[in-house]
C-alpha atoms as a PDB file:
ATOM      1  CA  MET A   1     -74.139 135.403  46.249  1.00  0.00           C
ATOM      2  CA  ARG A   2     -74.455 133.413  43.064  1.00  0.00           C
ATOM      3  CA  SER A   3     -74.559 129.678  43.287  1.00  0.00           C
ATOM      4  CA  LEU A   4     -71.603 127.686  42.090  1.00  0.00           C
ATOM      5  CA  GLY A   5     -73.764 126.023  39.451  1.00  0.00           C
ATOM      6  CA  ALA A   6     -74.446 129.378  37.827  1.00  0.00           C
ATOM      7  CA  LEU A   7     -70.708 130.112  37.505  1.00  0.00           C
ATOM      8  CA  ILE A   8     -69.624 126.798  35.984  1.00  0.00           C
ATOM      9  CA  PRO A   9     -70.874 127.472  32.403  1.00  0.00           C
ATOM     10  CA  ASN A  10     -68.941 130.769  32.285  1.00  0.00           C
ATOM     11  CA  VAL A  11     -65.765 129.059  33.440  1.00  0.00           C
ATOM     12  CA  ALA A  12     -66.093 125.894  31.336  1.00  0.00           C
ATOM     13  CA  ARG A  13     -67.239 127.453  28.058  1.00  0.00           C
ATOM     14  CA  PRO A  14     -63.793 128.815  26.994  1.00  0.00           C
ATOM     15  CA  ALA A  15     -62.126 125.500  27.795  1.00  0.00           C
ATOM     16  CA  PHE A  16     -64.749 123.495  25.881  1.00  0.00           C
ATOM     17  CA  ARG A  17     -64.386 125.761  22.842  1.00  0.00           C
ATOM     18  CA  LYS A  18     -60.773 124.634  22.562  1.00  0.00           C
ATOM     19  CA  GLN A  19     -61.353 120.962  23.395  1.00  0.00           C
ATOM     20  CA  SER A  20     -64.608 119.064  23.781  1.00  0.00           C
ATOM     21  CA  PRO A  21     -65.024 116.981  26.950  1.00  0.00           C
ATOM     22  CA  ALA A  22     -64.986 113.775  24.880  1.00  0.00           C
ATOM     23  CA  ALA A  23     -61.746 114.795  23.145  1.00  0.00           C
ATOM     24  CA  ALA A  24     -60.137 115.679  26.450  1.00  0.00           C
ATOM     25  CA  GLN A  25     -61.116 112.294  27.868  1.00  0.00           C
ATOM     26  CA  ILE A  26     -59.787 110.451  24.814  1.00  0.00           C
ATOM     27  CA  ILE A  27     -56.475 112.312  24.938  1.00  0.00           C
ATOM     28  CA  ALA A  28     -56.084 111.821  28.698  1.00  0.00           C
ATOM     29  CA  ASP A  29     -56.997 108.113  28.673  1.00  0.00           C
ATOM     30  CA  TRP A  30     -55.431 107.189  25.314  1.00  0.00           C
ATOM     31  CA  ALA A  31     -53.001 104.569  26.640  1.00  0.00           C
ATOM     32  CA  ASP A  32     -55.752 102.863  28.650  1.00  0.00           C
ATOM     33  CA  ILE A  33     -58.141 102.863  25.677  1.00  0.00           C
ATOM     34  CA  VAL A  34     -55.833 101.483  22.979  1.00  0.00           C
ATOM     35  CA  GLY A  35     -53.198  99.709  25.034  1.00  0.00           C
ATOM     36  CA  PRO A  36     -49.544 100.574  25.599  1.00  0.00           C
ATOM     37  CA  GLU A  37     -48.247  99.315  22.261  1.00  0.00           C
ATOM     38  CA  LEU A  38     -50.596 101.385  20.095  1.00  0.00           C
ATOM     39  CA  ALA A  39     -50.287 104.329  22.480  1.00  0.00           C
ATOM     40  CA  ARG A  40     -46.527 104.446  21.826  1.00  0.00           C
ATOM     41  CA  ALA A  41     -47.101 104.559  18.063  1.00  0.00           C
ATOM     42  CA  THR A  42     -50.112 106.920  17.934  1.00  0.00           C
ATOM     43  CA  VAL A  43     -51.176 110.282  19.327  1.00  0.00           C
ATOM     44  CA  PRO A  44     -54.762 111.566  19.278  1.00  0.00           C
ATOM     45  CA  ARG A  45     -54.647 115.073  17.768  1.00  0.00           C
ATOM     46  CA  ARG A  46     -58.241 116.310  17.667  1.00  0.00           C
ATOM     47  CA  LEU A  47     -61.873 115.250  17.627  1.00  0.00           C
ATOM     48  CA  SER A  48     -64.152 117.221  15.353  1.00  0.00           C
ATOM     49  CA  ALA A  49     -67.622 116.270  14.070  1.00  0.00           C
ATOM     50  CA  GLY A  50     -67.116 112.611  14.982  1.00  0.00           C
ATOM     51  CA  VAL A  51     -63.753 112.339  13.195  1.00  0.00           C
ATOM     52  CA  LEU A  52     -60.792 111.521  15.426  1.00  0.00           C
ATOM     53  CA  THR A  53     -57.482 112.631  13.920  1.00  0.00           C
ATOM     54  CA  LEU A  54     -54.581 110.396  14.924  1.00  0.00           C
ATOM     55  CA  GLY A  55     -50.922 111.155  14.406  1.00  0.00           C
ATOM     56  CA  CYS A  56     -49.015 107.962  13.683  1.00  0.00           C
ATOM     57  CA  ALA A  57     -45.819 106.578  12.251  1.00  0.00           C
ATOM     58  CA  GLY A  58     -45.977 105.443   8.627  1.00  0.00           C
ATOM     59  CA  PRO A  59     -46.150 101.648   9.040  1.00  0.00           C
ATOM     60  CA  VAL A  60     -48.712 101.920  11.818  1.00  0.00           C
ATOM     61  CA  ALA A  61     -51.220 103.696   9.551  1.00  0.00           C
ATOM     62  CA  MET A  62     -51.839 100.508   7.563  1.00  0.00           C
ATOM     63  CA  GLU A  63     -52.426  98.514  10.730  1.00  0.00           C
ATOM     64  CA  LEU A  64     -54.773 101.183  12.078  1.00  0.00           C
ATOM     65  CA  GLN A  65     -56.874 101.039   8.916  1.00  0.00           C
ATOM     66  CA  HIS A  66     -57.522  97.368   9.599  1.00  0.00           C
ATOM     67  CA  LEU A  67     -58.117  97.934  13.321  1.00  0.00           C
ATOM     68  CA  ALA A  68     -60.339 101.001  12.822  1.00  0.00           C
ATOM     69  CA  PRO A  69     -63.754  99.396  13.562  1.00  0.00           C
ATOM     70  CA  ALA A  70     -62.517  97.712  16.754  1.00  0.00           C
ATOM     71  CA  LEU A  71     -60.606 100.840  17.791  1.00  0.00           C
ATOM     72  CA  ILE A  72     -63.643 103.077  17.267  1.00  0.00           C
ATOM     73  CA  GLY A  73     -65.706 100.665  19.361  1.00  0.00           C
ATOM     74  CA  ARG A  74     -63.173 100.785  22.219  1.00  0.00           C
ATOM     75  CA  ILE A  75     -63.002 104.574  22.112  1.00  0.00           C
ATOM     76  CA  ASN A  76     -66.781 104.928  22.165  1.00  0.00           C
ATOM     77  CA  ARG A  77     -67.094 102.468  25.065  1.00  0.00           C
ATOM     78  CA  ALA A  78     -64.538 104.497  27.017  1.00  0.00           C
ATOM     79  CA  CYS A  79     -66.431 107.741  26.308  1.00  0.00           C
ATOM     80  CA  GLY A  80     -69.804 106.229  27.120  1.00  0.00           C
ATOM     81  CA  HIS A  81     -71.393 107.402  23.863  1.00  0.00           C
ATOM     82  CA  ASP A  82     -70.745 107.474  20.111  1.00  0.00           C
ATOM     83  CA  ALA A  83     -68.237 110.324  20.058  1.00  0.00           C
ATOM     84  CA  VAL A  84     -66.125 108.865  17.216  1.00  0.00           C
ATOM     85  CA  ARG A  85     -67.569 107.714  13.881  1.00  0.00           C
ATOM     86  CA  SER A  86     -64.356 107.547  11.845  1.00  0.00           C
ATOM     87  CA  LEU A  87     -60.600 107.922  12.062  1.00  0.00           C
ATOM     88  CA  LYS A  88     -58.380 110.260  10.078  1.00  0.00           C
ATOM     89  CA  LEU A  89     -54.769 109.085  10.029  1.00  0.00           C
ATOM     90  CA  VAL A  90     -52.014 111.664   9.705  1.00  0.00           C
ATOM     91  CA  GLN A  91     -48.393 110.575   9.456  1.00  0.00           C
ATOM     92  CA  ASP A  92     -46.854 113.157  11.734  1.00  0.00           C
ATOM     93  CA  LEU A  93     -46.120 111.375  14.949  1.00  0.00           C
ATOM     94  CA  VAL A  94     -44.252 113.489  17.433  1.00  0.00           C
ATOM     95  CA  PRO A  95     -43.355 111.140  20.265  1.00  0.00           C
ATOM     96  CA  ARG A  96     -44.647 112.106  23.668  1.00  0.00           C
ATOM     97  CA  PRO A  97     -42.095 112.517  26.402  1.00  0.00           C
ATOM     98  CA  ALA A  98     -41.916 109.526  28.689  1.00  0.00           C
ATOM     99  CA  PRO A  99     -43.899 110.080  31.858  1.00  0.00           C
ATOM    100  CA  ALA A 100     -41.783 110.807  34.881  1.00  0.00           C
ATOM    101  CA  ALA A 101     -41.396 107.938  37.293  1.00  0.00           C
ATOM    102  CA  PRO A 102     -43.521 108.420  40.388  1.00  0.00           C
ATOM    103  CA  PRO A 103     -41.580 109.294  43.511  1.00  0.00           C
ATOM    104  CA  PRO A 104     -40.882 106.324  45.757  1.00  0.00           C
ATOM    105  CA  ARG A 105     -43.604 105.783  48.313  1.00  0.00           C
ATOM    106  CA  GLN A 106     -42.643 106.416  51.863  1.00  0.00           C
ATOM    107  CA  ALA A 107     -43.603 104.084  54.657  1.00  0.00           C
ATOM    108  CA  PRO A 108     -46.848 105.189  56.285  1.00  0.00           C
ATOM    109  CA  PRO A 109     -46.412 107.091  59.547  1.00  0.00           C
ATOM    110  CA  PRO A 110     -47.140 105.226  62.778  1.00  0.00           C
ATOM    111  CA  PRO A 111     -50.835 105.382  63.652  1.00  0.00           C
ATOM    112  CA  LEU A 112     -52.067 108.066  65.992  1.00  0.00           C
ATOM    113  CA  ALA A 113     -53.150 106.749  69.385  1.00  0.00           C
ATOM    114  CA  ILE A 114     -56.891 107.035  70.112  1.00  0.00           C
ATOM    115  CA  PRO A 115     -57.279 105.550  73.626  1.00  0.00           C
ATOM    116  CA  ASP A 116     -60.945 106.407  74.268  1.00  0.00           C
ATOM    117  CA  MET A 117     -62.375 104.574  71.230  1.00  0.00           C
ATOM    118  CA  PRO A 118     -63.239 100.866  70.964  1.00  0.00           C
ATOM    119  CA  ASP A 119     -60.991  98.750  68.727  1.00  0.00           C
ATOM    120  CA  GLY A 120     -62.214  98.141  65.201  1.00  0.00           C
ATOM    121  CA  PRO A 121     -61.829  99.219  61.576  1.00  0.00           C
ATOM    122  CA  LEU A 122     -63.135 102.749  62.250  1.00  0.00           C
ATOM    123  CA  LYS A 123     -60.504 103.328  64.949  1.00  0.00           C
ATOM    124  CA  ASP A 124     -57.770 101.984  62.646  1.00  0.00           C
ATOM    125  CA  ALA A 125     -58.877 104.257  59.778  1.00  0.00           C
ATOM    126  CA  LEU A 126     -59.087 107.339  62.000  1.00  0.00           C
ATOM    127  CA  ALA A 127     -55.682 106.587  63.549  1.00  0.00           C
ATOM    128  CA  ALA A 128     -54.092 106.297  60.087  1.00  0.00           C
ATOM    129  CA  LEU A 129     -55.808 109.496  58.918  1.00  0.00           C
ATOM    130  CA  GLY A 130     -54.653 111.359  62.022  1.00  0.00           C
ATOM    131  CA  ALA A 131     -51.086 110.213  61.462  1.00  0.00           C
ATOM    132  CA  ARG A 132     -51.106 111.474  57.858  1.00  0.00           C
ATOM    133  CA  VAL A 133     -52.572 114.828  58.906  1.00  0.00           C
ATOM    134  CA  ARG A 134     -49.953 115.162  61.649  1.00  0.00           C
ATOM    135  CA  GLU A 135     -47.192 114.272  59.176  1.00  0.00           C
ATOM    136  CA  ARG A 136     -48.343 116.834  56.571  1.00  0.00           C
ATOM    137  CA  ALA A 137     -48.713 119.541  59.206  1.00  0.00           C
ATOM    138  CA  GLY A 138     -45.143 118.817  60.305  1.00  0.00           C
ATOM    139  CA  ARG A 139     -43.824 119.360  56.777  1.00  0.00           C
ATOM    140  CA  ARG A 140     -45.224 122.883  56.552  1.00  0.00           C
END
């Protein structure tokens, strides 16, 4: 049997050819990196050779030119290294669909009884875990 570590490069290589890990992180975390207001007006398109291409609405491009140094600093801090050296602004914003609202959270199931264990945080955690496992098994 081959180790899992030996298989990972073969699996990851095709995905990384399409999108670098830094670009994928920037795209996934865009709203957290730039804030909700800029995230609504901009869309990261691609990262190539240190140049991040951003789709944006016309008036926002001027603002982004002024914010570029601070924005590049925030992006690089989020990536953990200097992935972005400059921004390329393209006026072609296609708005992202609004994220679906998360389903309402259900009340946690009543804890599972564990009579032969002393009271404490470990017993409480195991009782809650047991209740969730029992609840999921009941749904199947």
